[in-house]
C-alpha atoms as a PDB file:
ATOM      1  CA  GLN A   1      -0.309   0.014   0.170  1.00  0.00           C
ATOM      2  CA  VAL A   2       1.001   3.355  -0.802  1.00  0.00           C
ATOM      3  CA  GLU A   3       0.220   6.599   1.222  1.00  0.00           C
ATOM      4  CA  LEU A   4      -0.472   9.354  -1.175  1.00  0.00           C
ATOM      5  CA  VAL A   5      -0.716  13.413  -0.340  1.00  0.00           C
ATOM      6  CA  GLU A   6      -1.785  15.791  -2.764  1.00  0.00           C
ATOM      7  CA  SER A   7      -0.710  19.568  -2.658  1.00  0.00           C
ATOM      8  CA  GLY A   8      -0.720  22.533  -4.978  1.00  0.00           C
ATOM      9  CA  GLY A   9      -4.279  23.530  -5.537  1.00  0.00           C
ATOM     10  CA  GLY A  10      -5.831  26.617  -5.346  1.00  0.00           C
ATOM     11  CA  LEU A  11      -8.016  29.492  -7.044  1.00  0.00           C
ATOM     12  CA  VAL A  12      -6.985  30.553 -10.423  1.00  0.00           C
ATOM     13  CA  GLN A  13      -8.628  32.688 -13.291  1.00  0.00           C
ATOM     14  CA  PRO A  14      -9.623  30.920 -16.526  1.00  0.00           C
ATOM     15  CA  GLY A  15      -6.774  30.798 -18.769  1.00  0.00           C
ATOM     16  CA  GLY A  16      -4.282  30.220 -15.731  1.00  0.00           C
ATOM     17  CA  SER A  17      -2.223  27.284 -14.865  1.00  0.00           C
ATOM     18  CA  LEU A  18      -1.465  25.356 -11.446  1.00  0.00           C
ATOM     19  CA  ARG A  19       1.330  22.430 -10.853  1.00  0.00           C
ATOM     20  CA  LEU A  20      -0.330  19.886  -8.872  1.00  0.00           C
ATOM     21  CA  SER A  21       2.129  17.641  -6.558  1.00  0.00           C
ATOM     22  CA  CYS A  22       1.603  13.865  -5.503  1.00  0.00           C
ATOM     23  CA  ALA A  23       4.042  12.622  -2.270  1.00  0.00           C
ATOM     24  CA  ALA A  24       3.923   9.098  -2.172  1.00  0.00           C
ATOM     25  CA  PHE A  25       5.153   7.368   0.987  1.00  0.00           C
ATOM     26  CA  GLY A  26       5.810   3.704   0.253  1.00  0.00           C
ATOM     27  CA  SER A  27       8.514   1.576  -1.683  1.00  0.00           C
ATOM     28  CA  ILE A  28       6.478   0.625  -4.275  1.00  0.00           C
ATOM     29  CA  PHE A  29       5.743   3.859  -5.833  1.00  0.00           C
ATOM     30  CA  SER A  30       8.527   3.283  -8.993  1.00  0.00           C
ATOM     31  CA  ILE A  31       6.934   0.199 -10.194  1.00  0.00           C
ATOM     32  CA  LEU A  32       3.097   1.354 -10.279  1.00  0.00           C
ATOM     33  CA  ALA A  33       1.096   3.020 -13.018  1.00  0.00           C
ATOM     34  CA  MET A  34       0.200   6.539 -11.315  1.00  0.00           C
ATOM     35  CA  GLY A  35      -2.710   8.587 -12.366  1.00  0.00           C
ATOM     36  CA  TRP A  36      -4.515  11.768 -11.382  1.00  0.00           C
ATOM     37  CA  TYR A  37      -8.282  11.862 -10.957  1.00  0.00           C
ATOM     38  CA  ARG A  38     -10.693  14.491 -10.125  1.00  0.00           C
ATOM     39  CA  GLN A  39     -14.120  15.141  -8.451  1.00  0.00           C
ATOM     40  CA  ALA A  40     -16.315  17.807  -9.303  1.00  0.00           C
ATOM     41  CA  PRO A  41     -19.138  18.998  -7.036  1.00  0.00           C
ATOM     42  CA  GLY A  42     -22.091  16.859  -7.464  1.00  0.00           C
ATOM     43  CA  LYS A  43     -20.438  14.510 -10.004  1.00  0.00           C
ATOM     44  CA  GLN A  44     -18.591  11.063  -9.709  1.00  0.00           C
ATOM     45  CA  ARG A  45     -14.877  10.717  -9.543  1.00  0.00           C
ATOM     46  CA  GLN A  46     -13.175  10.648 -13.100  1.00  0.00           C
ATOM     47  CA  TRP A  47      -9.900   9.720 -14.423  1.00  0.00           C
ATOM     48  CA  VAL A  48      -7.805  12.902 -15.635  1.00  0.00           C
ATOM     49  CA  ALA A  49      -4.210  11.050 -16.683  1.00  0.00           C
ATOM     50  CA  THR A  50      -1.830   8.042 -16.396  1.00  0.00           C
ATOM     51  CA  SER A  51       1.908   7.948 -15.820  1.00  0.00           C
ATOM     52  CA  MET A  52       3.629   4.557 -16.570  1.00  0.00           C
ATOM     53  CA  PRO A  53       6.115   3.480 -14.047  1.00  0.00           C
ATOM     54  CA  THR A  54       9.189   3.422 -16.604  1.00  0.00           C
ATOM     55  CA  GLY A  55       9.634   4.822 -20.335  1.00  0.00           C
ATOM     56  CA  GLY A  56       7.913   8.195 -19.997  1.00  0.00           C
ATOM     57  CA  SER A  57       4.472   6.640 -21.184  1.00  0.00           C
ATOM     58  CA  THR A  58       1.343   8.820 -20.467  1.00  0.00           C
ATOM     59  CA  ASN A  59      -2.337   8.816 -21.238  1.00  0.00           C
ATOM     60  CA  TYR A  60      -4.879  11.583 -20.848  1.00  0.00           C
ATOM     61  CA  ALA A  61      -8.832  12.169 -20.801  1.00  0.00           C
ATOM     62  CA  ASP A  62     -10.003  13.859 -23.776  1.00  0.00           C
ATOM     63  CA  SER A  63     -11.310  16.733 -21.768  1.00  0.00           C
ATOM     64  CA  VAL A  64      -7.476  17.547 -20.546  1.00  0.00           C
ATOM     65  CA  LYS A  65      -5.332  16.431 -23.751  1.00  0.00           C
ATOM     66  CA  GLY A  66      -3.329  19.141 -24.819  1.00  0.00           C
ATOM     67  CA  ARG A  67      -3.537  21.209 -21.994  1.00  0.00           C
ATOM     68  CA  PHE A  68      -2.401  19.054 -18.956  1.00  0.00           C
ATOM     69  CA  ILE A  69       0.759  17.116 -18.407  1.00  0.00           C
ATOM     70  CA  ILE A  70       1.423  14.459 -16.026  1.00  0.00           C
ATOM     71  CA  SER A  71       5.122  13.573 -14.987  1.00  0.00           C
ATOM     72  CA  ARG A  72       6.808  11.787 -12.050  1.00  0.00           C
ATOM     73  CA  ASP A  73      10.096  11.869 -10.235  1.00  0.00           C
ATOM     74  CA  ASN A  74      10.661   7.958  -8.958  1.00  0.00           C
ATOM     75  CA  ALA A  75      13.622   8.919  -7.060  1.00  0.00           C
ATOM     76  CA  LYS A  76      11.643  11.510  -5.154  1.00  0.00           C
ATOM     77  CA  ASN A  77       8.616   9.264  -4.892  1.00  0.00           C
ATOM     78  CA  THR A  78       6.849  12.235  -6.257  1.00  0.00           C
ATOM     79  CA  MET A  79       4.119  12.991  -9.373  1.00  0.00           C
ATOM     80  CA  TYR A  80       3.104  16.104 -10.695  1.00  0.00           C
ATOM     81  CA  LEU A  81       0.265  17.690 -12.785  1.00  0.00           C
ATOM     82  CA  GLN A  82       0.944  20.712 -14.647  1.00  0.00           C
ATOM     83  CA  MET A  83      -2.297  22.001 -15.650  1.00  0.00           C
ATOM     84  CA  ASN A  84      -2.409  24.829 -18.272  1.00  0.00           C
ATOM     85  CA  THR A  85      -5.025  26.860 -20.047  1.00  0.00           C
ATOM     86  CA  LEU A  86      -7.605  26.137 -16.930  1.00  0.00           C
ATOM     87  CA  LYS A  87     -11.264  26.187 -17.749  1.00  0.00           C
ATOM     88  CA  PRO A  88     -14.085  26.860 -15.057  1.00  0.00           C
ATOM     89  CA  GLU A  89     -15.213  22.845 -15.709  1.00  0.00           C
ATOM     90  CA  ASP A  90     -11.936  21.748 -14.659  1.00  0.00           C
ATOM     91  CA  THR A  91     -13.048  22.893 -10.899  1.00  0.00           C
ATOM     92  CA  ALA A  92     -12.615  19.817  -8.821  1.00  0.00           C
ATOM     93  CA  VAL A  93     -10.683  18.208  -6.135  1.00  0.00           C
ATOM     94  CA  TYR A  94      -7.945  16.628  -7.419  1.00  0.00           C
ATOM     95  CA  TYR A  95      -6.470  13.109  -6.327  1.00  0.00           C
ATOM     96  CA  CYS A  96      -3.448  10.921  -7.199  1.00  0.00           C
ATOM     97  CA  ASN A  97      -3.564   7.049  -6.889  1.00  0.00           C
ATOM     98  CA  SER A  98      -2.444   3.974  -8.666  1.00  0.00           C
ATOM     99  CA  VAL A  99      -3.875   2.646 -12.004  1.00  0.00           C
ATOM    100  CA  PRO A 100      -6.242   1.332 -11.748  1.00  0.00           C
ATOM    101  CA  ALA A 101      -6.879   2.861  -8.206  1.00  0.00           C
ATOM    102  CA  THR A 102      -6.331   1.412  -4.842  1.00  0.00           C
ATOM    103  CA  GLU A 103      -9.206   2.171  -2.756  1.00  0.00           C
ATOM    104  CA  SER A 104      -7.624   2.296   0.576  1.00  0.00           C
ATOM    105  CA  SER A 105      -4.930   4.665  -0.774  1.00  0.00           C
ATOM    106  CA  TRP A 106      -7.020   7.668  -1.754  1.00  0.00           C
ATOM    107  CA  GLY A 107      -5.873  10.706   0.185  1.00  0.00           C
ATOM    108  CA  GLN A 108      -7.604  14.168   0.914  1.00  0.00           C
ATOM    109  CA  GLY A 109      -6.983  15.355  -2.724  1.00  0.00           C
ATOM    110  CA  THR A 110      -6.524  19.269  -3.286  1.00  0.00           C
ATOM    111  CA  GLN A 111      -8.976  21.698  -4.309  1.00  0.00           C
ATOM    112  CA  VAL A 112      -8.721  23.292  -7.660  1.00  0.00           C
ATOM    113  CA  THR A 113     -11.127  26.325  -8.255  1.00  0.00           C
ATOM    114  CA  VAL A 114     -11.129  28.053 -11.720  1.00  0.00           C
ATOM    115  CA  SER A 115     -13.216  31.190 -11.683  1.00  0.00           C
ATOM    116  CA  SER A 116     -12.907  35.080 -12.367  1.00  0.00           C
END
């Protein structure tokens, strides 16, 4: 099991950028496919992006493709989500977890609010 702590959220205007971080506590981070997920008010949690453990392969939901960039530093047990050209519909609590998700590893998430 990996303990996960998200940070970096905040209030940003439409068109702005934010960089989220996910700190992982556990020795197996470097061998896991990891991802970002988000849950908007009144909606189910949805997958946003995946980073494979080696080789740099990534995958994105259509709604964020071309705007978000997922990356990871296995030496630091940390994953990132660079979010550019943010839209109001990106407002949500953002979580990191393995892909597929491990139910017991959900953290508190970090709130991202895109509003003028």
